[in-house]
PDB file of all heavy atoms in Angstrom:
ATOM      1  N   ALA A   1       0.869  -1.190  -0.032  1.00  0.00           N
ATOM      2  CA  ALA A   1      -0.030   0.011   0.001  1.00  0.00           C
ATOM      3  C   ALA A   1       0.877   1.208  -0.035  1.00  0.00           C
ATOM      4  O   ALA A   1       0.567   2.219  -0.717  1.00  0.00           O
ATOM      5  CB  ALA A   1      -0.941   0.039   1.222  1.00  0.00           C
ATOM      6  N   ALA A   2       1.965   1.248   0.727  1.00  0.00           N
ATOM      7  CA  ALA A   2       2.822   2.385   0.748  1.00  0.00           C
ATOM      8  C   ALA A   2       3.542   2.596  -0.511  1.00  0.00           C
ATOM      9  O   ALA A   2       3.705   3.702  -0.978  1.00  0.00           O
ATOM     10  CB  ALA A   2       3.891   2.120   1.960  1.00  0.00           C
ATOM     11  N   GLU A   3       3.987   1.422  -1.157  1.00  0.00           N
ATOM     12  CA  GLU A   3       4.708   1.647  -2.458  1.00  0.00           C
ATOM     13  C   GLU A   3       3.763   2.048  -3.567  1.00  0.00           C
ATOM     14  O   GLU A   3       4.125   2.843  -4.391  1.00  0.00           O
ATOM     15  CB  GLU A   3       5.223   0.170  -2.790  1.00  0.00           C
ATOM     16  CG  GLU A   3       6.079   0.239  -4.092  1.00  0.00           C
ATOM     17  CD  GLU A   3       6.674  -1.096  -4.510  1.00  0.00           C
ATOM     18  OE1 GLU A   3       6.457  -2.057  -3.674  1.00  0.00           O
ATOM     19  OE2 GLU A   3       7.166  -1.155  -5.652  1.00  0.00           O
ATOM     20  N   ALA A   4       2.480   1.571  -3.477  1.00  0.00           N
ATOM     21  CA  ALA A   4       1.511   1.980  -4.556  1.00  0.00           C
ATOM     22  C   ALA A   4       0.967   3.323  -4.260  1.00  0.00           C
ATOM     23  O   ALA A   4       0.500   4.036  -5.318  1.00  0.00           O
ATOM     24  CB  ALA A   4       0.426   0.999  -4.588  1.00  0.00           C
ATOM     25  N   GLY A   5       0.944   3.845  -3.033  1.00  0.00           N
ATOM     26  CA  GLY A   5       0.424   5.134  -2.764  1.00  0.00           C
ATOM     27  C   GLY A   5      -1.054   5.227  -2.511  1.00  0.00           C
ATOM     28  O   GLY A   5      -1.632   6.331  -2.721  1.00  0.00           O
ATOM     29  N   VAL A   6      -1.651   4.168  -2.068  1.00  0.00           N
ATOM     30  CA  VAL A   6      -3.076   4.106  -1.773  1.00  0.00           C
ATOM     31  C   VAL A   6      -3.358   4.752  -0.428  1.00  0.00           C
ATOM     32  O   VAL A   6      -2.350   4.875   0.400  1.00  0.00           O
ATOM     33  CB  VAL A   6      -3.732   2.725  -1.767  1.00  0.00           C
ATOM     34  CG1 VAL A   6      -3.626   2.134  -3.262  1.00  0.00           C
ATOM     35  CG2 VAL A   6      -3.057   1.755  -0.778  1.00  0.00           C
ATOM     36  N   ASP A   7      -4.605   5.241  -0.151  1.00  0.00           N
ATOM     37  CA  ASP A   7      -4.848   5.855   1.106  1.00  0.00           C
ATOM     38  C   ASP A   7      -5.095   4.954   2.320  1.00  0.00           C
ATOM     39  O   ASP A   7      -4.825   5.273   3.447  1.00  0.00           O
ATOM     40  CB  ASP A   7      -6.071   6.740   0.942  1.00  0.00           C
ATOM     41  CG  ASP A   7      -5.868   7.826  -0.059  1.00  0.00           C
ATOM     42  OD1 ASP A   7      -4.769   8.524   0.039  1.00  0.00           O
ATOM     43  OD2 ASP A   7      -6.704   8.062  -0.941  1.00  0.00           O
ATOM     44  N   ASP A   8      -5.516   3.686   1.983  1.00  0.00           N
ATOM     45  CA  ASP A   8      -5.829   2.730   3.037  1.00  0.00           C
ATOM     46  C   ASP A   8      -5.835   1.363   2.429  1.00  0.00           C
ATOM     47  O   ASP A   8      -5.800   1.169   1.279  1.00  0.00           O
ATOM     48  CB  ASP A   8      -7.258   3.066   3.622  1.00  0.00           C
ATOM     49  CG  ASP A   8      -7.467   2.482   4.959  1.00  0.00           C
ATOM     50  OD1 ASP A   8      -6.531   1.779   5.501  1.00  0.00           O
ATOM     51  OD2 ASP A   8      -8.476   2.744   5.602  1.00  0.00           O
ATOM     52  N   PHE A   9      -5.951   0.314   3.295  1.00  0.00           N
ATOM     53  CA  PHE A   9      -5.897  -1.048   2.768  1.00  0.00           C
ATOM     54  C   PHE A   9      -6.803  -1.876   3.714  1.00  0.00           C
ATOM     55  O   PHE A   9      -6.919  -1.602   4.920  1.00  0.00           O
ATOM     56  CB  PHE A   9      -4.586  -1.610   2.631  1.00  0.00           C
ATOM     57  CG  PHE A   9      -3.801  -1.814   3.935  1.00  0.00           C
ATOM     58  CD1 PHE A   9      -3.923  -2.955   4.714  1.00  0.00           C
ATOM     59  CD2 PHE A   9      -2.972  -0.754   4.435  1.00  0.00           C
ATOM     60  CE1 PHE A   9      -3.137  -3.093   5.853  1.00  0.00           C
ATOM     61  CE2 PHE A   9      -2.251  -0.888   5.551  1.00  0.00           C
ATOM     62  CZ  PHE A   9      -2.421  -2.071   6.348  1.00  0.00           C
ATOM     63  N   LEU A  10      -7.237  -3.061   3.124  1.00  0.00           N
ATOM     64  CA  LEU A  10      -7.922  -4.088   3.888  1.00  0.00           C
ATOM     65  C   LEU A  10      -7.216  -5.323   3.615  1.00  0.00           C
ATOM     66  O   LEU A  10      -7.188  -5.870   2.565  1.00  0.00           O
ATOM     67  CB  LEU A  10      -9.454  -4.178   3.376  1.00  0.00           C
ATOM     68  CG  LEU A  10     -10.201  -5.291   4.060  1.00  0.00           C
ATOM     69  CD1 LEU A  10     -10.479  -4.954   5.513  1.00  0.00           C
ATOM     70  CD2 LEU A  10     -11.564  -5.421   3.303  1.00  0.00           C
ATOM     71  N   ALA A  11      -6.556  -5.886   4.716  1.00  0.00           N
ATOM     72  CA  ALA A  11      -5.721  -7.078   4.629  1.00  0.00           C
ATOM     73  C   ALA A  11      -6.477  -8.305   4.953  1.00  0.00           C
ATOM     74  O   ALA A  11      -7.645  -8.248   5.593  1.00  0.00           O
ATOM     75  CB  ALA A  11      -4.506  -6.938   5.445  1.00  0.00           C
ATOM     76  N   GLU A  12      -5.971  -9.436   4.484  1.00  0.00           N
ATOM     77  CA  GLU A  12      -6.635 -10.801   4.758  1.00  0.00           C
ATOM     78  C   GLU A  12      -8.126 -10.685   4.475  1.00  0.00           C
ATOM     79  O   GLU A  12      -9.005 -11.251   5.183  1.00  0.00           O
ATOM     80  CB  GLU A  12      -6.344 -11.205   6.263  1.00  0.00           C
ATOM     81  CG  GLU A  12      -4.885 -11.370   6.475  1.00  0.00           C
ATOM     82  CD  GLU A  12      -4.594 -11.719   7.951  1.00  0.00           C
ATOM     83  OE1 GLU A  12      -5.524 -11.494   8.793  1.00  0.00           O
ATOM     84  OE2 GLU A  12      -3.540 -12.265   8.195  1.00  0.00           O
ATOM     85  N   ALA A  13      -8.450 -10.082   3.361  1.00  0.00           N
ATOM     86  CA  ALA A  13      -9.904  -9.864   2.978  1.00  0.00           C
ATOM     87  C   ALA A  13     -10.502 -11.076   2.408  1.00  0.00           C
ATOM     88  O   ALA A  13      -9.911 -11.795   1.529  1.00  0.00           O
ATOM     89  CB  ALA A  13      -9.928  -8.723   2.023  1.00  0.00           C
ATOM     90  N   THR A  14     -11.638 -11.379   2.847  1.00  0.00           N
ATOM     91  CA  THR A  14     -12.584 -12.403   2.234  1.00  0.00           C
ATOM     92  C   THR A  14     -13.651 -11.690   1.405  1.00  0.00           C
ATOM     93  O   THR A  14     -13.877 -10.489   1.631  1.00  0.00           O
ATOM     94  CB  THR A  14     -13.223 -13.184   3.318  1.00  0.00           C
ATOM     95  OG1 THR A  14     -14.086 -12.355   4.077  1.00  0.00           O
ATOM     96  CG2 THR A  14     -12.115 -13.873   4.235  1.00  0.00           C
ATOM     97  N   PRO A  15     -14.366 -12.401   0.459  1.00  0.00           N
ATOM     98  CA  PRO A  15     -15.468 -11.734  -0.221  1.00  0.00           C
ATOM     99  C   PRO A  15     -16.435 -11.146   0.711  1.00  0.00           C
ATOM    100  O   PRO A  15     -16.987 -10.137   0.463  1.00  0.00           O
ATOM    101  CB  PRO A  15     -15.998 -12.929  -0.995  1.00  0.00           C
ATOM    102  CG  PRO A  15     -14.905 -13.857  -1.182  1.00  0.00           C
ATOM    103  CD  PRO A  15     -14.050 -13.796   0.068  1.00  0.00           C
ATOM    104  N   GLU A  16     -16.671 -11.747   1.947  1.00  0.00           N
ATOM    105  CA  GLU A  16     -17.663 -11.211   2.867  1.00  0.00           C
ATOM    106  C   GLU A  16     -17.171  -9.894   3.410  1.00  0.00           C
ATOM    107  O   GLU A  16     -17.938  -8.882   3.617  1.00  0.00           O
ATOM    108  CB  GLU A  16     -17.920 -12.215   3.982  1.00  0.00           C
ATOM    109  CG  GLU A  16     -18.677 -13.465   3.584  1.00  0.00           C
ATOM    110  CD  GLU A  16     -17.751 -14.463   2.890  1.00  0.00           C
ATOM    111  OE1 GLU A  16     -16.505 -14.284   2.942  1.00  0.00           O
ATOM    112  OE2 GLU A  16     -18.326 -15.404   2.299  1.00  0.00           O
ATOM    113  N   MET A  17     -15.853  -9.793   3.706  1.00  0.00           N
ATOM    114  CA  MET A  17     -15.327  -8.533   4.288  1.00  0.00           C
ATOM    115  C   MET A  17     -15.326  -7.425   3.170  1.00  0.00           C
ATOM    116  O   MET A  17     -15.529  -6.268   3.585  1.00  0.00           O
ATOM    117  CB  MET A  17     -13.810  -8.837   4.732  1.00  0.00           C
ATOM    118  CG  MET A  17     -13.672  -9.718   5.901  1.00  0.00           C
ATOM    119  SD  MET A  17     -11.986 -10.218   6.235  1.00  0.00           S
ATOM    120  CE  MET A  17     -11.313  -8.665   6.721  1.00  0.00           C
ATOM    121  N   LYS A  18     -15.159  -7.741   1.983  1.00  0.00           N
ATOM    122  CA  LYS A  18     -15.300  -6.716   0.893  1.00  0.00           C
ATOM    123  C   LYS A  18     -16.637  -6.190   0.833  1.00  0.00           C
ATOM    124  O   LYS A  18     -16.848  -4.989   0.696  1.00  0.00           O
ATOM    125  CB  LYS A  18     -14.876  -7.347  -0.500  1.00  0.00           C
ATOM    126  CG  LYS A  18     -13.383  -7.823  -0.541  1.00  0.00           C
ATOM    127  CD  LYS A  18     -13.169  -8.424  -1.984  1.00  0.00           C
ATOM    128  CE  LYS A  18     -11.828  -9.119  -1.967  1.00  0.00           C
ATOM    129  NZ  LYS A  18     -11.612  -9.711  -3.344  1.00  0.00           N
ATOM    130  N   LEU A  19     -17.612  -7.082   0.851  1.00  0.00           N
ATOM    131  CA  LEU A  19     -18.988  -6.616   0.820  1.00  0.00           C
ATOM    132  C   LEU A  19     -19.374  -5.751   2.004  1.00  0.00           C
ATOM    133  O   LEU A  19     -20.010  -4.722   1.934  1.00  0.00           O
ATOM    134  CB  LEU A  19     -19.947  -7.844   0.851  1.00  0.00           C
ATOM    135  CG  LEU A  19     -20.401  -8.406  -0.499  1.00  0.00           C
ATOM    136  CD1 LEU A  19     -21.248  -9.671  -0.307  1.00  0.00           C
ATOM    137  CD2 LEU A  19     -21.095  -7.359  -1.320  1.00  0.00           C
ATOM    138  N   ALA A  20     -18.846  -6.167   3.260  1.00  0.00           N
ATOM    139  CA  ALA A  20     -19.160  -5.402   4.399  1.00  0.00           C
ATOM    140  C   ALA A  20     -18.590  -4.045   4.384  1.00  0.00           C
ATOM    141  O   ALA A  20     -19.243  -3.021   4.662  1.00  0.00           O
ATOM    142  CB  ALA A  20     -18.628  -6.125   5.692  1.00  0.00           C
ATOM    143  N   LEU A  21     -17.342  -3.875   3.812  1.00  0.00           N
ATOM    144  CA  LEU A  21     -16.658  -2.665   3.662  1.00  0.00           C
ATOM    145  C   LEU A  21     -17.464  -1.659   2.720  1.00  0.00           C
ATOM    146  O   LEU A  21     -17.702  -0.497   3.038  1.00  0.00           O
ATOM    147  CB  LEU A  21     -15.248  -2.794   3.154  1.00  0.00           C
ATOM    148  CG  LEU A  21     -14.511  -1.509   2.821  1.00  0.00           C
ATOM    149  CD1 LEU A  21     -14.353  -0.661   4.098  1.00  0.00           C
ATOM    150  CD2 LEU A  21     -13.181  -1.835   2.280  1.00  0.00           C
ATOM    151  N   ILE A  22     -17.959  -2.200   1.562  1.00  0.00           N
ATOM    152  CA  ILE A  22     -18.770  -1.450   0.676  1.00  0.00           C
ATOM    153  C   ILE A  22     -20.020  -0.949   1.292  1.00  0.00           C
ATOM    154  O   ILE A  22     -20.328   0.242   1.175  1.00  0.00           O
ATOM    155  CB  ILE A  22     -18.879  -2.219  -0.660  1.00  0.00           C
ATOM    156  CG1 ILE A  22     -17.606  -2.462  -1.415  1.00  0.00           C
ATOM    157  CG2 ILE A  22     -19.924  -1.516  -1.561  1.00  0.00           C
ATOM    158  CD1 ILE A  22     -17.746  -3.334  -2.670  1.00  0.00           C
ATOM    159  N   ARG A  23     -20.709  -1.876   1.925  1.00  0.00           N
ATOM    160  CA  ARG A  23     -21.934  -1.520   2.561  1.00  0.00           C
ATOM    161  C   ARG A  23     -21.801  -0.455   3.597  1.00  0.00           C
ATOM    162  O   ARG A  23     -22.612   0.388   3.845  1.00  0.00           O
ATOM    163  CB  ARG A  23     -22.644  -2.773   3.091  1.00  0.00           C
ATOM    164  CG  ARG A  23     -23.188  -3.704   1.972  1.00  0.00           C
ATOM    165  CD  ARG A  23     -23.709  -4.985   2.471  1.00  0.00           C
ATOM    166  NE  ARG A  23     -24.209  -5.870   1.394  1.00  0.00           N
ATOM    167  CZ  ARG A  23     -24.457  -7.121   1.477  1.00  0.00           C
ATOM    168  NH1 ARG A  23     -24.150  -7.780   2.558  1.00  0.00           N
ATOM    169  NH2 ARG A  23     -24.923  -7.794   0.457  1.00  0.00           N
ATOM    170  N   ARG A  24     -20.747  -0.543   4.372  1.00  0.00           N
ATOM    171  CA  ARG A  24     -20.394   0.339   5.465  1.00  0.00           C
ATOM    172  C   ARG A  24     -20.150   1.757   4.864  1.00  0.00           C
ATOM    173  O   ARG A  24     -20.647   2.820   5.432  1.00  0.00           O
ATOM    174  CB  ARG A  24     -19.204  -0.075   6.230  1.00  0.00           C
ATOM    175  CG  ARG A  24     -18.944   0.721   7.545  1.00  0.00           C
ATOM    176  CD  ARG A  24     -17.928   0.024   8.424  1.00  0.00           C
ATOM    177  NE  ARG A  24     -16.661  -0.273   7.962  1.00  0.00           N
ATOM    178  CZ  ARG A  24     -16.236  -1.503   7.546  1.00  0.00           C
ATOM    179  NH1 ARG A  24     -16.963  -2.537   7.795  1.00  0.00           N
ATOM    180  NH2 ARG A  24     -15.021  -1.679   7.078  1.00  0.00           N
ATOM    181  N   GLU A  25     -19.447   1.819   3.835  1.00  0.00           N
ATOM    182  CA  GLU A  25     -19.246   3.127   3.054  1.00  0.00           C
ATOM    183  C   GLU A  25     -20.491   3.659   2.526  1.00  0.00           C
ATOM    184  O   GLU A  25     -20.795   4.891   2.598  1.00  0.00           O
ATOM    185  CB  GLU A  25     -18.116   2.973   2.012  1.00  0.00           C
ATOM    186  CG  GLU A  25     -16.740   2.615   2.482  1.00  0.00           C
ATOM    187  CD  GLU A  25     -15.988   3.764   3.106  1.00  0.00           C
ATOM    188  OE1 GLU A  25     -16.617   4.918   3.134  1.00  0.00           O
ATOM    189  OE2 GLU A  25     -14.822   3.561   3.709  1.00  0.00           O
ATOM    190  N   GLN A  26     -21.285   2.808   1.919  1.00  0.00           N
ATOM    191  CA  GLN A  26     -22.584   3.310   1.316  1.00  0.00           C
ATOM    192  C   GLN A  26     -23.500   3.781   2.399  1.00  0.00           C
ATOM    193  O   GLN A  26     -24.267   4.754   2.183  1.00  0.00           O
ATOM    194  CB  GLN A  26     -23.161   2.163   0.531  1.00  0.00           C
ATOM    195  CG  GLN A  26     -22.409   1.902  -0.775  1.00  0.00           C
ATOM    196  CD  GLN A  26     -22.901   0.711  -1.501  1.00  0.00           C
ATOM    197  OE1 GLN A  26     -23.433  -0.312  -0.902  1.00  0.00           O
ATOM    198  NE2 GLN A  26     -22.677   0.700  -2.853  1.00  0.00           N
ATOM    199  N   ALA A  27     -23.491   3.129   3.590  1.00  0.00           N
ATOM    200  CA  ALA A  27     -24.358   3.531   4.686  1.00  0.00           C
ATOM    201  C   ALA A  27     -23.988   4.822   5.193  1.00  0.00           C
ATOM    202  O   ALA A  27     -24.819   5.614   5.719  1.00  0.00           O
ATOM    203  CB  ALA A  27     -24.339   2.494   5.834  1.00  0.00           C
ATOM    204  N   GLY A  28     -22.733   5.226   4.978  1.00  0.00           N
ATOM    205  CA  GLY A  28     -22.305   6.557   5.386  1.00  0.00           C
ATOM    206  C   GLY A  28     -22.470   7.629   4.322  1.00  0.00           C
ATOM    207  O   GLY A  28     -22.014   8.736   4.492  1.00  0.00           O
ATOM    208  N   GLY A  29     -23.225   7.267   3.336  1.00  0.00           N
ATOM    209  CA  GLY A  29     -23.584   8.275   2.279  1.00  0.00           C
ATOM    210  C   GLY A  29     -22.573   8.332   1.121  1.00  0.00           C
ATOM    211  O   GLY A  29     -22.674   9.305   0.323  1.00  0.00           O
ATOM    212  N   LYS A  30     -21.596   7.459   1.051  1.00  0.00           N
ATOM    213  CA  LYS A  30     -20.588   7.500   0.037  1.00  0.00           C
ATOM    214  C   LYS A  30     -21.006   6.736  -1.211  1.00  0.00           C
ATOM    215  O   LYS A  30     -21.702   5.722  -1.043  1.00  0.00           O
ATOM    216  CB  LYS A  30     -19.237   6.905   0.618  1.00  0.00           C
ATOM    217  CG  LYS A  30     -18.712   7.593   1.875  1.00  0.00           C
ATOM    218  CD  LYS A  30     -18.300   9.039   1.623  1.00  0.00           C
ATOM    219  CE  LYS A  30     -17.635   9.597   2.905  1.00  0.00           C
ATOM    220  NZ  LYS A  30     -17.194  11.025   2.708  1.00  0.00           N
ATOM    221  N   LEU A  31     -20.560   7.173  -2.347  1.00  0.00           N
ATOM    222  CA  LEU A  31     -20.695   6.358  -3.530  1.00  0.00           C
ATOM    223  C   LEU A  31     -19.325   5.595  -3.740  1.00  0.00           C
ATOM    224  O   LEU A  31     -18.280   6.186  -3.762  1.00  0.00           O
ATOM    225  CB  LEU A  31     -20.933   7.274  -4.730  1.00  0.00           C
ATOM    226  CG  LEU A  31     -22.427   7.294  -5.285  1.00  0.00           C
ATOM    227  CD1 LEU A  31     -23.226   7.989  -4.133  1.00  0.00           C
ATOM    228  CD2 LEU A  31     -22.602   7.981  -6.565  1.00  0.00           C
ATOM    229  N   VAL A  32     -19.441   4.274  -3.943  1.00  0.00           N
ATOM    230  CA  VAL A  32     -18.227   3.449  -3.952  1.00  0.00           C
ATOM    231  C   VAL A  32     -18.048   2.866  -5.351  1.00  0.00           C
ATOM    232  O   VAL A  32     -19.017   2.337  -6.003  1.00  0.00           O
ATOM    233  CB  VAL A  32     -18.436   2.317  -2.948  1.00  0.00           C
ATOM    234  CG1 VAL A  32     -17.203   1.401  -2.963  1.00  0.00           C
ATOM    235  CG2 VAL A  32     -18.684   2.919  -1.587  1.00  0.00           C
ATOM    236  N   ALA A  33     -16.802   2.900  -5.788  1.00  0.00           N
ATOM    237  CA  ALA A  33     -16.438   2.219  -7.080  1.00  0.00           C
ATOM    238  C   ALA A  33     -15.517   1.080  -6.631  1.00  0.00           C
ATOM    239  O   ALA A  33     -14.693   1.213  -5.737  1.00  0.00           O
ATOM    240  CB  ALA A  33     -15.677   3.179  -7.985  1.00  0.00           C
ATOM    241  N   MET A  34     -15.628   0.007  -7.397  1.00  0.00           N
ATOM    242  CA  MET A  34     -14.795  -1.176  -7.097  1.00  0.00           C
ATOM    243  C   MET A  34     -14.121  -1.652  -8.385  1.00  0.00           C
ATOM    244  O   MET A  34     -14.780  -1.806  -9.472  1.00  0.00           O
ATOM    245  CB  MET A  34     -15.588  -2.300  -6.503  1.00  0.00           C
ATOM    246  CG  MET A  34     -14.996  -3.763  -6.477  1.00  0.00           C
ATOM    247  SD  MET A  34     -13.840  -3.843  -5.107  1.00  0.00           S
ATOM    248  CE  MET A  34     -13.091  -5.464  -5.451  1.00  0.00           C
ATOM    249  N   CYS A  35     -12.798  -1.907  -8.369  1.00  0.00           N
ATOM    250  CA  CYS A  35     -12.082  -2.455  -9.490  1.00  0.00           C
ATOM    251  C   CYS A  35     -11.666  -3.812  -9.099  1.00  0.00           C
ATOM    252  O   CYS A  35     -11.056  -4.067  -7.977  1.00  0.00           O
ATOM    253  CB  CYS A  35     -10.870  -1.533  -9.910  1.00  0.00           C
ATOM    254  SG  CYS A  35     -11.282   0.013 -10.727  1.00  0.00           S
ATOM    255  N   GLY A  36     -11.842  -4.838  -9.958  1.00  0.00           N
ATOM    256  CA  GLY A  36     -11.382  -6.133  -9.672  1.00  0.00           C
ATOM    257  C   GLY A  36     -11.378  -7.045 -10.995  1.00  0.00           C
ATOM    258  O   GLY A  36     -11.886  -6.615 -11.959  1.00  0.00           O
ATOM    259  N   ASP A  37     -10.802  -8.155 -10.758  1.00  0.00           N
ATOM    260  CA  ASP A  37     -10.608  -9.051 -11.947  1.00  0.00           C
ATOM    261  C   ASP A  37     -10.862 -10.567 -11.657  1.00  0.00           C
ATOM    262  O   ASP A  37     -10.946 -11.395 -12.475  1.00  0.00           O
ATOM    263  CB  ASP A  37      -9.257  -8.897 -12.685  1.00  0.00           C
ATOM    264  CG  ASP A  37      -8.148  -9.349 -11.693  1.00  0.00           C
ATOM    265  OD1 ASP A  37      -8.381  -9.549 -10.492  1.00  0.00           O
ATOM    266  OD2 ASP A  37      -7.054  -9.474 -12.227  1.00  0.00           O
ATOM    267  N   GLY A  38     -11.009 -10.959 -10.398  1.00  0.00           N
ATOM    268  CA  GLY A  38     -11.152 -12.309 -10.034  1.00  0.00           C
ATOM    269  C   GLY A  38     -12.576 -12.717  -9.618  1.00  0.00           C
ATOM    270  O   GLY A  38     -13.460 -11.887  -9.410  1.00  0.00           O
ATOM    271  N   THR A  39     -12.820 -14.005  -9.669  1.00  0.00           N
ATOM    272  CA  THR A  39     -14.144 -14.487  -9.244  1.00  0.00           C
ATOM    273  C   THR A  39     -14.519 -14.087  -7.925  1.00  0.00           C
ATOM    274  O   THR A  39     -15.656 -13.755  -7.587  1.00  0.00           O
ATOM    275  CB  THR A  39     -14.201 -15.963  -9.447  1.00  0.00           C
ATOM    276  OG1 THR A  39     -13.897 -16.457 -10.755  1.00  0.00           O
ATOM    277  CG2 THR A  39     -15.549 -16.615  -9.001  1.00  0.00           C
ATOM    278  N   ASN A  40     -13.500 -14.035  -7.043  1.00  0.00           N
ATOM    279  CA  ASN A  40     -13.756 -13.657  -5.632  1.00  0.00           C
ATOM    280  C   ASN A  40     -14.135 -12.150  -5.475  1.00  0.00           C
ATOM    281  O   ASN A  40     -14.573 -11.691  -4.398  1.00  0.00           O
ATOM    282  CB  ASN A  40     -12.608 -13.966  -4.683  1.00  0.00           C
ATOM    283  CG  ASN A  40     -11.357 -13.186  -5.047  1.00  0.00           C
ATOM    284  OD1 ASN A  40     -11.151 -12.844  -6.210  1.00  0.00           O
ATOM    285  ND2 ASN A  40     -10.473 -12.892  -4.105  1.00  0.00           N
ATOM    286  N   ASP A  41     -13.955 -11.373  -6.560  1.00  0.00           N
ATOM    287  CA  ASP A  41     -14.298  -9.961  -6.518  1.00  0.00           C
ATOM    288  C   ASP A  41     -15.740  -9.726  -6.923  1.00  0.00           C
ATOM    289  O   ASP A  41     -16.287  -8.633  -6.922  1.00  0.00           O
ATOM    290  CB  ASP A  41     -13.365  -9.213  -7.463  1.00  0.00           C
ATOM    291  CG  ASP A  41     -11.944  -9.138  -7.081  1.00  0.00           C
ATOM    292  OD1 ASP A  41     -11.708  -9.075  -5.843  1.00  0.00           O
ATOM    293  OD2 ASP A  41     -11.086  -9.232  -7.877  1.00  0.00           O
ATOM    294  N   ALA A  42     -16.410 -10.745  -7.520  1.00  0.00           N
ATOM    295  CA  ALA A  42     -17.681 -10.668  -8.198  1.00  0.00           C
ATOM    296  C   ALA A  42     -18.767 -10.071  -7.213  1.00  0.00           C
ATOM    297  O   ALA A  42     -19.474  -9.163  -7.550  1.00  0.00           O
ATOM    298  CB  ALA A  42     -18.199 -11.953  -8.825  1.00  0.00           C
ATOM    299  N   PRO A  43     -18.862 -10.568  -5.977  1.00  0.00           N
ATOM    300  CA  PRO A  43     -19.873 -10.027  -5.068  1.00  0.00           C
ATOM    301  C   PRO A  43     -19.694  -8.582  -4.827  1.00  0.00           C
ATOM    302  O   PRO A  43     -20.684  -7.659  -4.788  1.00  0.00           O
ATOM    303  CB  PRO A  43     -19.767 -10.845  -3.760  1.00  0.00           C
ATOM    304  CG  PRO A  43     -19.096 -12.067  -4.239  1.00  0.00           C
ATOM    305  CD  PRO A  43     -18.262 -11.663  -5.357  1.00  0.00           C
ATOM    306  N   ALA A  44     -18.465  -8.143  -4.581  1.00  0.00           N
ATOM    307  CA  ALA A  44     -18.227  -6.712  -4.289  1.00  0.00           C
ATOM    308  C   ALA A  44     -18.449  -5.839  -5.603  1.00  0.00           C
ATOM    309  O   ALA A  44     -18.962  -4.694  -5.420  1.00  0.00           O
ATOM    310  CB  ALA A  44     -16.750  -6.521  -3.880  1.00  0.00           C
ATOM    311  N   LEU A  45     -18.166  -6.348  -6.708  1.00  0.00           N
ATOM    312  CA  LEU A  45     -18.397  -5.611  -8.008  1.00  0.00           C
ATOM    313  C   LEU A  45     -19.823  -5.398  -8.144  1.00  0.00           C
ATOM    314  O   LEU A  45     -20.294  -4.402  -8.664  1.00  0.00           O
ATOM    315  CB  LEU A  45     -17.739  -6.373  -9.152  1.00  0.00           C
ATOM    316  CG  LEU A  45     -16.247  -6.319  -9.320  1.00  0.00           C
ATOM    317  CD1 LEU A  45     -15.867  -7.343 -10.443  1.00  0.00           C
ATOM    318  CD2 LEU A  45     -15.787  -4.923  -9.760  1.00  0.00           C
TER     319      LEU A  45
END
């Protein structure tokens, strides 16, 4: 994360954790974009 320059990170993430993070951000009134390429990214996408 430090090398890439992102603002935050979620480690040891499962598909359920990704979904929970998106829903938490959306519940706070945020619009969320998700980039991914794997089957495990499909629920979050």
